[in-house]
Protein backbone atom coordinates (compact mmCIF):
# COMPACT_ATOMS: atom_id res chain seq x y z
CA MET A 1 104.27 159.82 77.98
CA LYS A 2 103.49 159.45 81.66
CA THR A 3 105.98 162.20 82.51
CA LEU A 4 104.42 164.51 79.95
CA VAL A 5 100.94 163.99 81.37
CA THR A 6 102.26 164.55 84.87
CA TRP A 7 103.82 167.83 83.80
CA LEU A 8 100.67 168.89 81.96
CA ILE A 9 98.60 168.35 85.11
CA ALA A 10 101.03 169.07 87.97
CA VAL A 11 102.48 172.35 86.74
CA PRO A 12 99.14 174.10 86.08
CA ALA A 13 97.73 172.70 89.34
CA GLY A 14 100.77 174.00 91.23
CA ILE A 15 100.40 177.43 89.64
CA VAL A 16 96.72 177.52 90.64
CA VAL A 17 97.57 176.55 94.23
CA VAL A 18 100.24 179.25 94.47
CA LEU A 19 97.91 181.90 93.03
CA PHE A 20 95.16 180.78 95.40
CA ALA A 21 97.54 181.03 98.36
CA LEU A 22 98.66 184.51 97.33
CA ALA A 23 95.07 185.68 96.95
CA ASN A 24 94.12 184.43 100.45
CA ARG A 25 96.85 185.90 102.66
CA THR A 26 94.59 187.97 104.91
CA PRO A 27 94.73 186.98 108.56
CA VAL A 28 91.66 185.38 110.09
CA VAL A 29 90.72 184.27 113.59
CA VAL A 30 89.10 180.86 113.88
CA SER A 31 86.62 180.94 116.75
CA PHE A 32 84.90 177.99 118.36
CA ASP A 33 82.77 180.18 120.64
CA PRO A 34 79.37 180.96 119.08
CA PHE A 35 78.11 183.04 122.03
CA THR A 36 80.70 185.82 122.32
CA PRO A 37 81.98 186.64 118.84
CA GLY A 38 83.69 189.84 120.00
CA ALA A 39 85.94 188.15 122.58
CA PRO A 40 85.82 184.41 121.94
CA ALA A 41 87.00 182.07 124.67
CA LEU A 42 88.12 179.39 122.23
CA ALA A 43 89.94 181.04 119.34
CA VAL A 44 92.92 180.28 117.15
CA GLY A 45 94.70 182.94 115.22
CA PRO A 46 95.19 185.23 113.63
CA ALA A 47 96.55 183.02 110.87
CA PRO A 48 96.62 183.48 107.11
CA ARG A 49 93.37 182.29 105.54
CA ILE A 50 95.22 179.87 103.27
CA VAL A 51 96.81 178.14 106.27
CA VAL A 52 93.41 177.68 107.87
CA MET A 53 91.95 176.38 104.61
CA PHE A 54 94.76 173.87 104.05
CA ALA A 55 94.54 172.75 107.69
CA VAL A 56 90.83 172.08 107.27
CA LEU A 57 91.52 170.19 104.02
CA MET A 58 94.19 168.06 105.71
CA VAL A 59 91.93 167.24 108.67
CA GLY A 60 89.18 166.25 106.24
CA PHE A 61 91.58 164.10 104.25
CA ILE A 62 92.81 162.32 107.38
CA LEU A 63 89.28 161.73 108.69
CA GLY A 64 88.24 160.39 105.28
CA ALA A 65 91.23 158.06 105.15
CA VAL A 66 90.45 156.73 108.63
CA ALA A 67 86.79 156.19 107.68
CA ALA A 68 87.77 154.39 104.46
CA TYR A 69 90.18 152.17 106.34
CA ALA A 70 87.58 151.36 109.00
CA SER A 71 84.93 150.53 106.41
CA GLY A 72 87.25 148.00 104.76
CA ASP A 73 87.68 145.97 107.94
CA ALA A 74 85.07 143.36 107.01
CA VAL A 75 86.60 142.91 103.56
CA ARG A 76 90.07 142.42 105.03
CA LYS A 77 88.73 139.83 107.50
CA ARG A 78 86.99 137.90 104.69
CA ALA A 79 90.15 137.99 102.59
CA ALA A 80 92.25 136.66 105.48
CA ALA A 81 89.74 133.87 106.12
CA ARG A 82 89.75 132.92 102.43
CA LYS A 83 93.56 132.88 102.32
CA LYS A 84 93.58 130.58 105.34
CA GLU A 85 91.00 128.32 103.69
CA ILE A 86 93.03 128.21 100.45
CA ARG A 87 96.17 127.24 102.36
CA GLN A 88 94.26 124.43 104.10
CA LEU A 89 92.79 123.19 100.82
CA ARG A 90 96.24 123.16 99.20
CA ARG A 91 97.57 121.12 102.12
CA ASP A 92 94.64 118.71 101.75
CA VAL A 93 95.29 118.33 98.01
CA ALA A 94 98.98 117.70 98.62
CA ALA A 95 98.13 115.10 101.26
CA ALA A 96 95.63 113.41 98.94
CA LYS A 97 98.25 113.26 96.17
CA THR A 98 100.78 111.73 98.55
CA THR A 99 98.24 109.17 99.75
CA ALA A 100 97.24 108.29 96.20
CA ARG A 101 100.88 107.75 95.19
CA ALA A 102 101.52 105.61 98.27
CA GLU A 103 98.51 103.40 97.53
CA GLY A 104 99.52 103.00 93.89
CA GLY A 105 96.45 104.78 92.58
CA PRO A 106 96.33 107.53 90.03
CA ALA A 107 98.30 110.45 91.40
CA THR A 108 97.68 112.68 88.41
CA GLY A 109 94.04 113.26 89.17
CA GLU A 110 92.49 110.89 86.67
CA THR A 111 89.67 110.15 89.07
CA LEU A 112 89.53 113.34 91.11
CA PRO A 113 89.20 116.68 89.29
CA ALA A 114 90.66 118.54 92.26
CA LEU A 115 93.91 116.60 91.91
CA ARG A 116 94.50 117.26 88.21
CA THR A 117 97.89 118.72 87.54
CA GLN A 118 98.19 121.50 85.06
């Protein structure tokens, strides 16, 4: 089923991309000089319009990915801190169980809910 859905989406999308590329083959010059449009100092090209469009899309995708990664930094730090805290709490529980067994007390957590075994 997953393969069928992939084919139903990927093949038409690929056909649209190919048709779009064929329709936009005209060469263009990308200029970064707004003052002298006739003879720009900073210009790239001529290149096919589709190449320029895909390059812009790729740059936008990469910048978006970098921004998404950077915005998740606080979440990753909180997750790491919580993992560290969980490891410490598990060590504390294990130590409490060991101490309870050594003292002859209830090691199954009859008195402490945190020590209950499941």
